[in-house]
Amino acid sequence: MNKLLAFIKSARFAEVSILLGFPMIGLFFAFRSADQLFSLPVFLFVAAIFSLFTAIYAFNGLAGSEDDCHNSRLSDLKGVKTSFIVTLSVSLVLSLVLFFLIRPVLALFAAVSFLLWCIYSFPKKGFKYRPLLGTLIHFIGQIIHFLMGYTVLAPLDRGSAAVSVYFALLFSAGHINHELIDHDADKKSGIKTGAVCFGVSAWEKVSLLLFLAAALYISALSLIEKELLKVSFPFMIAGCIHVIFKICTMKRASLQAKFLAERSFYRILYFAAGIVFILAKIFDLTNFIK
């Protein structure tokens, strides 16, 4: 039982499941007909991307096991290094094999993605320990993840690349909020994130600007590409609600509890937007929007 619990901790399935949303949104952006959802490539992709993210989080946990002892959110991961190694090895190999079976280029995307997150998490030297560079990894990584989902059902094009930037901005802004949550623990561990280097107040403003930039970007892109307006509307509404929420809470004390509450709020908000988007694609509700 203890070994099973150690495995579950090292796999960090809850966080992996949240991260799955971005490549799955990419897949649904390429979605054209209901029969595609029940195709072998889609089933393989779900298993492959889950395995890849499990491997990424396992490496992250293994690399940061020494620092995480100062973090109350992650301190229970201490002492599960063997489980991290096993989870990492099995998940990475499985993901690469499955991606190759779908389309060889996806295996290449997956390898690049894993390498980027290794650069981010590498003990003491990774981009996680450098201001701005960690956010840059999140931005690039999310573009790759979105395009991985898209290319399962359709060839990559200029439109898919443009849309991926929106989700990369959103993910990067979320990462900055995550740095705000972990500010105290990171400072004790000597991790020089943007929040630690520039201060909580300044970094909170950067978070607001990035979330605002994401909302403005998808709105502008939708005005340029009229067809995109029909499917991106839920994200535009969610972005407006979130930005208003952030502005209204800016004057509150910049404590971990506030940033944790915001994270819960925007996760639910964008999850709901994603569900509405997916339902609109599946049931072709966009035909009602002229």
Protein backbone atom coordinates (compact mmCIF):
# COMPACT_ATOMS: atom_id res chain seq x y z
CA MET A 1 0.00 0.00 0.00
CA ASN A 2 2.83 2.40 0.86
CA LYS A 3 4.46 1.74 -2.51
CA LEU A 4 1.16 2.42 -4.27
CA LEU A 5 0.75 5.72 -2.42
CA ALA A 6 4.33 6.64 -3.31
CA PHE A 7 3.62 5.93 -6.96
CA ILE A 8 0.47 8.08 -6.93
CA LYS A 9 2.40 10.93 -5.31
CA SER A 10 5.22 10.71 -7.84
CA ALA A 11 2.83 10.55 -10.80
CA ARG A 12 0.95 13.72 -9.66
CA PHE A 13 -2.08 12.64 -11.68
CA ALA A 14 -4.23 15.61 -10.63
CA GLU A 15 -1.77 18.15 -12.07
CA VAL A 16 -1.21 16.00 -15.15
CA SER A 17 -4.97 15.95 -15.80
CA ILE A 18 -5.16 19.76 -15.67
CA LEU A 19 -2.28 20.11 -18.13
CA LEU A 20 -4.07 17.75 -20.54
CA GLY A 21 -6.60 20.47 -21.32
CA PHE A 22 -4.30 22.42 -23.64
CA PRO A 23 -3.40 19.67 -26.13
CA MET A 24 -6.99 18.42 -26.02
CA ILE A 25 -8.22 21.91 -26.93
CA GLY A 26 -5.73 21.80 -29.82
CA LEU A 27 -7.25 18.52 -30.93
CA PHE A 28 -10.78 19.97 -30.84
CA PHE A 29 -9.71 23.03 -32.81
CA ALA A 30 -8.81 20.59 -35.62
CA PHE A 31 -12.00 18.57 -35.08
CA ARG A 32 -14.33 18.39 -38.11
CA SER A 33 -16.68 15.41 -37.64
CA ALA A 34 -17.95 13.23 -34.78
CA ASP A 35 -16.40 10.03 -36.16
CA GLN A 36 -12.95 11.51 -35.57
CA LEU A 37 -13.49 11.40 -31.80
CA PHE A 38 -13.79 7.63 -31.83
CA SER A 39 -10.79 7.00 -34.04
CA LEU A 40 -7.71 5.04 -32.99
CA PRO A 41 -5.35 8.05 -33.33
CA VAL A 42 -7.41 10.03 -30.79
CA PHE A 43 -7.45 7.18 -28.25
CA LEU A 44 -3.73 6.66 -28.66
CA PHE A 45 -3.09 10.37 -28.35
CA VAL A 46 -4.96 10.65 -25.04
CA ALA A 47 -2.88 7.80 -23.60
CA ALA A 48 0.35 9.18 -25.09
CA ILE A 49 -0.05 12.77 -23.90
CA PHE A 50 -1.07 11.58 -20.43
CA SER A 51 2.07 9.44 -20.30
CA LEU A 52 4.26 12.31 -21.52
CA PHE A 53 2.97 14.73 -18.89
CA THR A 54 3.36 12.06 -16.21
CA ALA A 55 7.00 11.67 -17.24
CA ILE A 56 7.51 15.46 -17.20
CA TYR A 57 6.06 15.83 -13.71
CA ALA A 58 8.06 12.83 -12.49
CA PHE A 59 11.28 14.46 -13.68
CA ASN A 60 10.18 17.75 -12.14
CA GLY A 61 9.55 16.03 -8.81
CA LEU A 62 12.82 14.11 -8.96
CA ALA A 63 14.86 17.19 -9.85
CA GLY A 64 13.21 19.37 -7.23
CA SER A 65 12.98 16.85 -4.38
CA GLU A 66 15.55 18.74 -2.32
CA ASP A 67 13.91 22.14 -2.75
CA ASP A 68 10.33 20.91 -2.35
CA CYS A 69 10.88 20.11 1.32
CA HIS A 70 10.42 23.87 1.95
CA ASN A 71 7.12 23.90 0.05
CA SER A 72 4.09 22.88 2.11
CA ARG A 73 2.21 21.93 -1.09
CA LEU A 74 4.90 19.49 -2.19
CA SER A 75 6.60 18.37 1.01
CA ASP A 76 4.75 15.02 0.98
CA LEU A 77 6.74 14.07 -2.14
CA LYS A 78 9.89 13.71 -0.05
CA GLY A 79 11.37 10.22 -0.01
CA VAL A 80 9.78 8.85 -3.18
CA LYS A 81 12.79 9.15 -5.52
CA THR A 82 12.63 5.52 -6.60
CA SER A 83 8.99 5.93 -7.56
CA PHE A 84 9.86 9.08 -9.50
CA ILE A 85 12.52 7.21 -11.49
CA VAL A 86 10.24 4.26 -12.29
CA THR A 87 7.34 6.54 -13.23
CA LEU A 88 9.61 8.68 -15.40
CA SER A 89 11.16 5.76 -17.29
CA VAL A 90 7.97 3.82 -17.97
CA SER A 91 5.87 6.87 -18.88
CA LEU A 92 8.43 8.41 -21.22
CA VAL A 93 9.06 5.23 -23.20
CA LEU A 94 5.34 4.50 -23.44
CA SER A 95 4.53 8.01 -24.65
CA LEU A 96 7.21 8.01 -27.35
CA VAL A 97 6.08 4.62 -28.67
CA LEU A 98 2.42 5.68 -28.79
CA PHE A 99 3.19 9.01 -30.44
CA PHE A 100 5.29 7.27 -33.08
CA LEU A 101 2.40 4.91 -33.84
CA ILE A 102 0.07 7.88 -34.44
CA ARG A 103 2.52 9.94 -36.47
CA PRO A 104 6.34 9.97 -36.24
CA VAL A 105 6.48 13.77 -36.06
CA LEU A 106 4.52 13.61 -32.80
CA ALA A 107 7.29 11.53 -31.22
CA LEU A 108 9.70 14.30 -32.22
CA PHE A 109 7.41 16.94 -30.71
CA ALA A 110 7.19 14.87 -27.53
CA ALA A 111 10.97 14.51 -27.28
CA VAL A 112 11.45 18.27 -27.72
CA SER A 113 8.76 18.95 -25.12
CA PHE A 114 10.37 16.61 -22.59
CA LEU A 115 13.79 18.18 -23.24
CA LEU A 116 12.38 21.67 -22.66
CA TRP A 117 10.88 20.66 -19.32
CA CYS A 118 14.16 19.00 -18.33
CA ILE A 119 15.91 22.31 -19.05
CA TYR A 120 13.29 23.99 -16.88
CA SER A 121 13.53 21.57 -13.93
CA PHE A 122 17.23 20.62 -13.99
CA PRO A 123 18.52 20.76 -10.38
CA LYS A 124 19.99 24.15 -9.40
CA LYS A 125 20.83 25.08 -13.02
CA GLY A 126 17.48 24.87 -14.77
CA PHE A 127 15.40 27.75 -16.06
CA LYS A 128 13.14 27.25 -13.02
CA TYR A 129 15.89 28.98 -11.03
CA ARG A 130 16.12 31.98 -13.38
CA PRO A 131 13.65 34.87 -13.64
CA LEU A 132 11.73 35.11 -16.94
CA LEU A 133 13.41 32.02 -18.44
CA GLY A 134 11.00 29.69 -16.62
CA THR A 135 8.06 31.60 -18.06
CA LEU A 136 9.64 31.42 -21.52
CA ILE A 137 9.78 27.61 -21.26
CA HIS A 138 6.07 27.56 -20.37
CA PHE A 139 5.27 29.76 -23.38
CA ILE A 140 7.23 27.65 -25.89
CA GLY A 141 6.13 24.37 -24.32
CA GLN A 142 2.47 25.26 -24.53
CA ILE A 143 2.70 26.14 -28.22
CA ILE A 144 4.16 22.68 -28.80
CA HIS A 145 1.46 20.95 -26.71
CA PHE A 146 -1.39 22.71 -28.53
CA LEU A 147 0.09 21.91 -31.94
CA MET A 148 0.59 18.28 -30.93
CA GLY A 149 -3.14 17.97 -30.32
CA TYR A 150 -4.00 19.82 -33.53
CA THR A 151 -1.78 17.70 -35.76
CA VAL A 152 -3.52 14.47 -34.70
CA LEU A 153 -6.55 15.41 -36.83
CA ALA A 154 -5.30 18.04 -39.26
CA PRO A 155 -2.08 19.31 -40.86
CA LEU A 156 -0.48 22.30 -39.14
CA ASP A 157 -1.15 25.68 -40.74
CA ARG A 158 -0.80 29.39 -40.01
CA GLY A 159 -4.15 29.51 -38.23
CA SER A 160 -3.32 26.76 -35.76
CA ALA A 161 0.03 28.40 -35.00
CA ALA A 162 -1.71 31.74 -34.37
CA VAL A 163 -4.28 30.20 -32.00
CA SER A 164 -1.56 28.33 -30.10
CA VAL A 165 -0.06 31.68 -29.06
CA TYR A 166 -3.26 32.52 -27.13
CA PHE A 167 -3.05 29.37 -25.04
CA ALA A 168 0.69 29.88 -24.57
CA LEU A 169 0.00 33.37 -23.18
CA LEU A 170 -2.68 31.96 -20.89
CA PHE A 171 -0.39 29.18 -19.65
CA SER A 172 2.50 31.62 -19.08
CA ALA A 173 0.26 33.94 -17.06
CA GLY A 174 -0.84 30.96 -14.98
CA HIS A 175 2.80 30.06 -14.39
CA ILE A 176 3.46 33.55 -13.07
CA ASN A 177 0.54 33.14 -10.66
CA HIS A 178 2.10 29.84 -9.62
CA GLU A 179 5.36 31.64 -8.84
CA LEU A 180 3.38 34.06 -6.68
CA ILE A 181 1.84 31.12 -4.80
CA ASP A 182 5.27 29.61 -4.13
CA HIS A 183 7.11 32.89 -3.48
CA ASP A 184 7.95 32.22 0.20
CA ALA A 185 8.99 28.62 -0.35
CA ASP A 186 11.08 29.50 -3.42
CA LYS A 187 12.80 32.33 -1.55
CA LYS A 188 13.78 29.94 1.29
CA SER A 189 15.12 27.47 -1.27
CA GLY A 190 17.11 30.10 -3.16
CA ILE A 191 15.05 29.72 -6.32
CA LYS A 192 15.21 33.05 -8.14
CA THR A 193 11.85 33.12 -9.86
CA GLY A 194 10.40 36.34 -11.20
CA ALA A 195 8.31 36.72 -8.05
CA VAL A 196 11.40 36.43 -5.86
CA CYS A 197 13.58 38.73 -7.99
CA PHE A 198 11.09 41.46 -8.83
CA GLY A 199 8.80 41.26 -5.83
CA VAL A 200 5.26 40.00 -5.36
CA SER A 201 3.56 43.31 -6.11
CA ALA A 202 5.37 43.86 -9.42
CA TRP A 203 4.96 40.22 -10.47
CA GLU A 204 1.25 40.32 -9.71
CA LYS A 205 0.93 43.23 -12.15
CA VAL A 206 2.83 41.23 -14.79
CA SER A 207 0.36 38.37 -14.26
CA LEU A 208 -2.53 40.77 -14.85
CA LEU A 209 -0.90 42.15 -18.01
CA LEU A 210 -0.35 38.69 -19.45
CA PHE A 211 -3.91 37.55 -18.77
CA LEU A 212 -5.12 40.82 -20.31
CA ALA A 213 -2.81 40.33 -23.31
CA ALA A 214 -4.24 36.84 -23.82
CA ALA A 215 -7.83 38.14 -23.77
CA LEU A 216 -7.01 40.98 -26.17
CA TYR A 217 -5.05 38.67 -28.46
CA ILE A 218 -7.82 36.10 -28.95
CA SER A 219 -10.34 38.92 -29.44
CA ALA A 220 -8.20 40.62 -32.09
CA LEU A 221 -7.46 37.30 -33.80
CA SER A 222 -11.17 36.50 -33.91
CA LEU A 223 -11.93 39.83 -35.57
CA ILE A 224 -9.31 39.09 -38.23
CA GLU A 225 -10.43 35.48 -38.75
CA LYS A 226 -14.24 35.66 -38.70
CA GLU A 227 -14.68 31.89 -38.49
CA LEU A 228 -12.58 31.82 -35.35
CA LEU A 229 -14.99 34.21 -33.63
CA LYS A 230 -17.67 31.53 -33.49
CA VAL A 231 -15.54 29.05 -31.53
CA SER A 232 -13.36 31.40 -29.48
CA PHE A 233 -16.25 33.36 -27.96
CA PRO A 234 -16.27 31.32 -24.68
CA PHE A 235 -12.58 32.12 -24.14
CA MET A 236 -13.15 35.81 -24.84
CA ILE A 237 -15.91 35.93 -22.22
CA ALA A 238 -13.80 33.97 -19.72
CA GLY A 239 -10.88 36.32 -20.29
CA CYS A 240 -13.01 39.40 -19.61
CA ILE A 241 -14.43 37.89 -16.42
CA HIS A 242 -10.98 36.88 -15.19
CA VAL A 243 -9.38 40.28 -15.88
CA ILE A 244 -12.21 42.04 -14.03
CA PHE A 245 -11.78 39.57 -11.15
CA LYS A 246 -8.05 40.29 -10.97
CA ILE A 247 -8.52 44.05 -11.01
CA CYS A 248 -11.09 43.81 -8.21
CA THR A 249 -8.75 41.71 -6.03
CA MET A 250 -5.51 43.62 -6.70
CA LYS A 251 -5.94 45.76 -3.56
CA ARG A 252 -6.15 42.74 -1.27
CA ALA A 253 -3.05 41.69 0.62
CA SER A 254 -0.68 39.72 -1.60
CA LEU A 255 -0.75 36.50 0.39
CA GLN A 256 -0.48 32.91 -0.81
CA ALA A 257 -4.15 32.31 0.02
CA LYS A 258 -5.22 35.02 -2.43
CA PHE A 259 -3.21 33.56 -5.30
CA LEU A 260 -4.42 30.05 -4.50
CA ALA A 261 -8.01 31.31 -4.58
CA GLU A 262 -7.39 33.02 -7.90
CA ARG A 263 -5.89 29.84 -9.34
CA SER A 264 -8.99 27.87 -8.33
CA PHE A 265 -11.18 30.59 -9.85
CA TYR A 266 -9.49 30.76 -13.23
CA ARG A 267 -9.09 27.00 -13.51
CA ILE A 268 -12.86 26.57 -13.12
CA LEU A 269 -13.53 29.56 -15.39
CA TYR A 270 -11.35 28.43 -18.31
CA PHE A 271 -12.40 24.80 -17.81
CA ALA A 272 -16.01 25.91 -18.27
CA ALA A 273 -15.03 27.92 -21.35
CA GLY A 274 -13.27 24.86 -22.74
CA ILE A 275 -16.32 22.65 -22.15
CA VAL A 276 -18.59 25.14 -23.92
CA PHE A 277 -16.11 25.32 -26.81
CA ILE A 278 -15.94 21.52 -27.09
CA LEU A 279 -19.73 21.13 -26.99
CA ALA A 280 -20.08 23.82 -29.64
CA LYS A 281 -17.66 21.92 -31.87
CA ILE A 282 -19.22 18.49 -31.30
CA PHE A 283 -22.82 19.61 -31.82
CA ASP A 284 -21.92 22.24 -34.40
CA LEU A 285 -23.63 24.98 -32.42
CA THR A 286 -21.63 27.59 -34.27
CA ASN A 287 -24.20 27.42 -37.08
CA PHE A 288 -26.56 29.35 -34.82
CA ILE A 289 -24.09 32.23 -34.72
CA LYS A 290 -24.30 34.33 -37.85
